[in-house]
Amino acid sequence: MVLFFALLFVALAIAGATAFVIFWPLSLVHLRDRHPGVRAGLGDAAFVNPRALWWLLSMRYREVRDAGFTGLATPAMISLGCIVLGLTMAGVLWLWSVAFPEMGA
């Protein structure tokens, strides 16, 4: 049963990754077009740059006062959170099943 819930958390991470791949590039294009200074601050390859991802996950994107951008960045932040939460919880439950195999059935 524990591994089943771990699999559900992996599914949550996959759903988050799907939404992230849609919203984060749209957010970056919006920044490139309307806020080049902010976009330059995120660095090259901002799609996978850990500093840019932390900027998104810590909600510092709200400092950009643009409703269009925050409308794109908020779902990207939520989906990134789903990825992190899903993979973390799946890992914890997997470790639980390894440490306590009698409880995994």
N, C-alpha and C. Protein backbone atom coordinates (compact mmCIF):
# COMPACT_ATOMS: atom_id res chain seq x y z
N MET A 1 0.82 -1.19 0.00
CA MET A 1 0.00 0.00 0.00
C MET A 1 0.86 1.26 0.00
N VAL A 2 1.98 1.19 0.72
CA VAL A 2 2.87 2.33 0.78
C VAL A 2 3.44 2.64 -0.60
N LEU A 3 3.84 1.60 -1.32
CA LEU A 3 4.38 1.82 -2.66
C LEU A 3 3.31 2.34 -3.62
N PHE A 4 2.08 2.00 -3.40
CA PHE A 4 1.00 2.55 -4.21
C PHE A 4 0.90 4.06 -4.03
N PHE A 5 0.97 4.50 -2.78
CA PHE A 5 0.93 5.94 -2.53
C PHE A 5 2.19 6.63 -3.08
N ALA A 6 3.32 5.94 -3.02
CA ALA A 6 4.53 6.50 -3.63
C ALA A 6 4.34 6.67 -5.13
N LEU A 7 3.70 5.72 -5.76
CA LEU A 7 3.41 5.82 -7.18
C LEU A 7 2.45 6.97 -7.47
N LEU A 8 1.50 7.21 -6.60
CA LEU A 8 0.60 8.35 -6.77
C LEU A 8 1.36 9.67 -6.68
N PHE A 9 2.35 9.74 -5.80
CA PHE A 9 3.16 10.94 -5.71
C PHE A 9 4.02 11.13 -6.95
N VAL A 10 4.48 10.04 -7.55
CA VAL A 10 5.21 10.14 -8.82
C VAL A 10 4.27 10.68 -9.90
N ALA A 11 3.03 10.23 -9.89
CA ALA A 11 2.04 10.74 -10.84
C ALA A 11 1.80 12.24 -10.63
N LEU A 12 1.78 12.68 -9.40
CA LEU A 12 1.65 14.11 -9.10
C LEU A 12 2.84 14.88 -9.68
N ALA A 13 4.03 14.33 -9.53
CA ALA A 13 5.23 14.98 -10.07
C ALA A 13 5.17 15.05 -11.59
N ILE A 14 4.67 14.01 -12.23
CA ILE A 14 4.55 14.01 -13.69
C ILE A 14 3.53 15.05 -14.14
N ALA A 15 2.43 15.14 -13.44
CA ALA A 15 1.43 16.16 -13.78
C ALA A 15 2.00 17.56 -13.59
N GLY A 16 2.77 17.75 -12.52
CA GLY A 16 3.42 19.03 -12.30
C GLY A 16 4.42 19.35 -13.38
N ALA A 17 5.17 18.35 -13.83
CA ALA A 17 6.15 18.57 -14.90
C ALA A 17 5.46 18.96 -16.20
N THR A 18 4.32 18.37 -16.46
CA THR A 18 3.57 18.72 -17.68
C THR A 18 3.13 20.18 -17.64
N ALA A 19 2.59 20.61 -16.52
CA ALA A 19 2.17 22.01 -16.41
C ALA A 19 3.36 22.95 -16.40
N PHE A 20 4.46 22.53 -15.78
CA PHE A 20 5.65 23.37 -15.73
C PHE A 20 6.21 23.62 -17.12
N VAL A 21 6.22 22.60 -17.94
CA VAL A 21 6.76 22.73 -19.29
C VAL A 21 5.88 23.66 -20.14
N ILE A 22 4.65 23.84 -19.75
CA ILE A 22 3.77 24.76 -20.47
C ILE A 22 3.95 26.19 -19.96
N PHE A 23 3.88 26.40 -18.65
CA PHE A 23 3.81 27.75 -18.11
C PHE A 23 5.15 28.45 -17.93
N TRP A 24 6.20 27.73 -17.59
CA TRP A 24 7.48 28.40 -17.33
C TRP A 24 8.08 29.00 -18.60
N PRO A 25 8.09 28.30 -19.74
CA PRO A 25 8.58 28.95 -20.95
C PRO A 25 7.75 30.17 -21.35
N LEU A 26 6.44 30.09 -21.18
CA LEU A 26 5.60 31.25 -21.49
C LEU A 26 5.94 32.43 -20.58
N SER A 27 6.23 32.14 -19.32
CA SER A 27 6.63 33.20 -18.39
C SER A 27 7.95 33.83 -18.81
N LEU A 28 8.90 32.99 -19.22
CA LEU A 28 10.20 33.50 -19.63
C LEU A 28 10.11 34.34 -20.90
N VAL A 29 9.25 33.94 -21.82
CA VAL A 29 9.06 34.73 -23.05
C VAL A 29 8.43 36.07 -22.71
N HIS A 30 7.48 36.07 -21.78
CA HIS A 30 6.86 37.32 -21.35
C HIS A 30 7.91 38.24 -20.73
N LEU A 31 8.78 37.68 -19.90
CA LEU A 31 9.85 38.49 -19.31
C LEU A 31 10.79 39.02 -20.38
N ARG A 32 11.13 38.19 -21.34
CA ARG A 32 12.03 38.62 -22.41
C ARG A 32 11.44 39.79 -23.19
N ASP A 33 10.15 39.73 -23.45
CA ASP A 33 9.51 40.76 -24.26
C ASP A 33 9.22 42.04 -23.49
N ARG A 34 8.84 41.94 -22.24
CA ARG A 34 8.37 43.12 -21.51
C ARG A 34 9.24 43.56 -20.34
N HIS A 35 10.09 42.68 -19.83
CA HIS A 35 10.93 43.02 -18.68
C HIS A 35 12.33 42.44 -18.90
N PRO A 36 13.06 42.98 -19.86
CA PRO A 36 14.37 42.39 -20.17
C PRO A 36 15.37 42.48 -19.02
N GLY A 37 15.24 43.45 -18.16
CA GLY A 37 16.16 43.55 -17.02
C GLY A 37 15.98 42.40 -16.04
N VAL A 38 14.75 42.06 -15.77
CA VAL A 38 14.47 40.93 -14.87
C VAL A 38 14.94 39.64 -15.52
N ARG A 39 14.66 39.51 -16.81
CA ARG A 39 15.07 38.29 -17.55
C ARG A 39 16.58 38.15 -17.54
N ALA A 40 17.30 39.25 -17.71
CA ALA A 40 18.77 39.19 -17.68
C ALA A 40 19.27 38.79 -16.30
N GLY A 41 18.56 39.19 -15.26
CA GLY A 41 18.95 38.83 -13.91
C GLY A 41 18.82 37.34 -13.61
N LEU A 42 17.98 36.65 -14.37
CA LEU A 42 17.81 35.21 -14.16
C LEU A 42 18.94 34.40 -14.79
N GLY A 43 19.69 35.02 -15.69
CA GLY A 43 20.82 34.34 -16.31
C GLY A 43 20.45 33.54 -17.54
N ASP A 44 21.47 33.00 -18.15
CA ASP A 44 21.26 32.17 -19.34
C ASP A 44 20.66 30.83 -18.93
N ALA A 45 19.95 30.24 -19.84
CA ALA A 45 19.29 28.95 -19.62
C ALA A 45 18.43 28.98 -18.36
N ALA A 46 17.61 30.01 -18.25
CA ALA A 46 16.79 30.18 -17.05
C ALA A 46 15.78 29.06 -16.87
N PHE A 47 15.49 28.33 -17.92
CA PHE A 47 14.52 27.24 -17.81
C PHE A 47 14.99 26.19 -16.82
N VAL A 48 16.28 25.93 -16.77
CA VAL A 48 16.81 24.90 -15.88
C VAL A 48 17.81 25.46 -14.87
N ASN A 49 18.00 26.76 -14.85
CA ASN A 49 18.94 27.39 -13.93
C ASN A 49 18.42 27.28 -12.51
N PRO A 50 19.16 26.65 -11.59
CA PRO A 50 18.66 26.50 -10.21
C PRO A 50 18.35 27.84 -9.54
N ARG A 51 19.13 28.86 -9.84
CA ARG A 51 18.86 30.17 -9.24
C ARG A 51 17.51 30.72 -9.72
N ALA A 52 17.22 30.56 -11.00
CA ALA A 52 15.95 31.03 -11.54
C ALA A 52 14.78 30.20 -11.00
N LEU A 53 14.99 28.91 -10.85
CA LEU A 53 13.93 28.06 -10.31
C LEU A 53 13.65 28.39 -8.84
N TRP A 54 14.70 28.70 -8.09
CA TRP A 54 14.50 29.10 -6.70
C TRP A 54 13.79 30.45 -6.64
N TRP A 55 14.13 31.36 -7.57
CA TRP A 55 13.46 32.65 -7.66
C TRP A 55 11.96 32.44 -7.88
N LEU A 56 11.62 31.48 -8.72
CA LEU A 56 10.22 31.17 -8.98
C LEU A 56 9.57 30.52 -7.76
N LEU A 57 10.22 29.52 -7.20
CA LEU A 57 9.64 28.76 -6.10
C LEU A 57 9.49 29.60 -4.83
N SER A 58 10.37 30.55 -4.62
CA SER A 58 10.29 31.41 -3.43
C SER A 58 9.34 32.60 -3.64
N MET A 59 8.67 32.62 -4.77
CA MET A 59 7.65 33.63 -5.10
C MET A 59 8.20 35.05 -5.20
N ARG A 60 9.48 35.18 -5.49
CA ARG A 60 10.03 36.52 -5.70
C ARG A 60 9.60 37.09 -7.05
N TYR A 61 8.98 36.27 -7.88
CA TYR A 61 8.46 36.78 -9.15
C TYR A 61 7.37 37.82 -8.93
N ARG A 62 6.78 37.85 -7.74
CA ARG A 62 5.72 38.81 -7.47
C ARG A 62 6.22 40.24 -7.36
N GLU A 63 7.55 40.40 -7.28
CA GLU A 63 8.12 41.75 -7.28
C GLU A 63 7.94 42.43 -8.63
N VAL A 64 7.74 41.64 -9.67
CA VAL A 64 7.47 42.19 -11.01
C VAL A 64 5.99 42.54 -11.03
N ARG A 65 5.69 43.81 -11.08
CA ARG A 65 4.31 44.28 -11.02
C ARG A 65 3.68 44.24 -12.41
N ASP A 66 3.34 43.03 -12.85
CA ASP A 66 2.73 42.83 -14.15
C ASP A 66 1.75 41.67 -14.01
N ALA A 67 0.46 41.98 -14.12
CA ALA A 67 -0.56 40.96 -13.92
C ALA A 67 -0.45 39.84 -14.95
N GLY A 68 -0.05 40.17 -16.17
CA GLY A 68 0.11 39.14 -17.20
C GLY A 68 1.21 38.16 -16.84
N PHE A 69 2.30 38.69 -16.32
CA PHE A 69 3.41 37.82 -15.95
C PHE A 69 3.07 36.97 -14.74
N THR A 70 2.52 37.57 -13.70
CA THR A 70 2.19 36.78 -12.52
C THR A 70 1.10 35.76 -12.81
N GLY A 71 0.24 36.05 -13.79
CA GLY A 71 -0.76 35.08 -14.21
C GLY A 71 -0.15 33.86 -14.86
N LEU A 72 1.02 34.01 -15.45
CA LEU A 72 1.74 32.88 -16.03
C LEU A 72 2.68 32.22 -15.02
N ALA A 73 3.29 33.03 -14.18
CA ALA A 73 4.29 32.51 -13.26
C ALA A 73 3.67 31.76 -12.07
N THR A 74 2.47 32.14 -11.67
CA THR A 74 1.85 31.46 -10.53
C THR A 74 1.57 29.98 -10.82
N PRO A 75 0.96 29.63 -11.97
CA PRO A 75 0.81 28.19 -12.26
C PRO A 75 2.15 27.47 -12.42
N ALA A 76 3.17 28.19 -12.92
CA ALA A 76 4.50 27.58 -13.04
C ALA A 76 5.07 27.29 -11.65
N MET A 77 4.86 28.21 -10.71
CA MET A 77 5.35 28.00 -9.36
C MET A 77 4.61 26.85 -8.68
N ILE A 78 3.30 26.79 -8.87
CA ILE A 78 2.52 25.71 -8.27
C ILE A 78 2.95 24.36 -8.85
N SER A 79 3.16 24.31 -10.16
CA SER A 79 3.57 23.05 -10.77
C SER A 79 4.97 22.64 -10.34
N LEU A 80 5.88 23.61 -10.18
CA LEU A 80 7.21 23.29 -9.68
C LEU A 80 7.12 22.77 -8.25
N GLY A 81 6.25 23.34 -7.46
CA GLY A 81 6.03 22.84 -6.11
C GLY A 81 5.47 21.42 -6.11
N CYS A 82 4.59 21.12 -7.07
CA CYS A 82 4.06 19.76 -7.19
C CYS A 82 5.15 18.77 -7.55
N ILE A 83 6.07 19.19 -8.40
CA ILE A 83 7.19 18.31 -8.77
C ILE A 83 8.04 18.02 -7.54
N VAL A 84 8.41 19.05 -6.83
CA VAL A 84 9.27 18.89 -5.65
C VAL A 84 8.56 18.06 -4.57
N LEU A 85 7.31 18.40 -4.29
CA LEU A 85 6.56 17.67 -3.27
C LEU A 85 6.35 16.21 -3.67
N GLY A 86 5.95 15.99 -4.92
CA GLY A 86 5.68 14.63 -5.37
C GLY A 86 6.91 13.74 -5.31
N LEU A 87 8.04 14.23 -5.80
CA LEU A 87 9.25 13.42 -5.78
C LEU A 87 9.79 13.23 -4.37
N THR A 88 9.67 14.25 -3.54
CA THR A 88 10.12 14.12 -2.16
C THR A 88 9.29 13.09 -1.41
N MET A 89 7.98 13.19 -1.52
CA MET A 89 7.12 12.25 -0.81
C MET A 89 7.25 10.84 -1.36
N ALA A 90 7.42 10.70 -2.67
CA ALA A 90 7.62 9.37 -3.25
C ALA A 90 8.91 8.76 -2.71
N GLY A 91 9.96 9.58 -2.60
CA GLY A 91 11.22 9.09 -2.04
C GLY A 91 11.08 8.69 -0.59
N VAL A 92 10.37 9.49 0.19
CA VAL A 92 10.17 9.18 1.61
C VAL A 92 9.39 7.88 1.76
N LEU A 93 8.33 7.71 0.96
CA LEU A 93 7.54 6.48 1.06
C LEU A 93 8.32 5.27 0.56
N TRP A 94 9.16 5.46 -0.44
CA TRP A 94 9.99 4.35 -0.90
C TRP A 94 10.97 3.94 0.19
N LEU A 95 11.61 4.93 0.83
CA LEU A 95 12.51 4.62 1.94
C LEU A 95 11.76 3.94 3.08
N TRP A 96 10.55 4.38 3.33
CA TRP A 96 9.71 3.76 4.36
C TRP A 96 9.48 2.28 4.03
N SER A 97 9.20 1.99 2.76
CA SER A 97 8.93 0.61 2.37
C SER A 97 10.19 -0.25 2.46
N VAL A 98 11.36 0.36 2.26
CA VAL A 98 12.61 -0.39 2.38
C VAL A 98 12.96 -0.63 3.86
N ALA A 99 12.73 0.39 4.68
CA ALA A 99 13.07 0.29 6.10
C ALA A 99 12.10 -0.61 6.86
N PHE A 100 10.84 -0.59 6.48
CA PHE A 100 9.81 -1.38 7.15
C PHE A 100 9.06 -2.22 6.12
N PRO A 101 9.66 -3.28 5.60
CA PRO A 101 9.01 -4.04 4.52
C PRO A 101 7.72 -4.73 4.97
N GLU A 102 7.58 -5.01 6.27
CA GLU A 102 6.37 -5.68 6.74
C GLU A 102 5.16 -4.75 6.69
N MET A 103 5.38 -3.43 6.66
CA MET A 103 4.28 -2.47 6.61
C MET A 103 3.91 -2.11 5.18
N GLY A 104 4.71 -2.50 4.21
CA GLY A 104 4.46 -2.14 2.82
C GLY A 104 3.39 -2.97 2.15
N ALA A 105 3.02 -4.07 2.76
CA ALA A 105 2.05 -4.97 2.11
C ALA A 105 0.64 -4.52 2.29
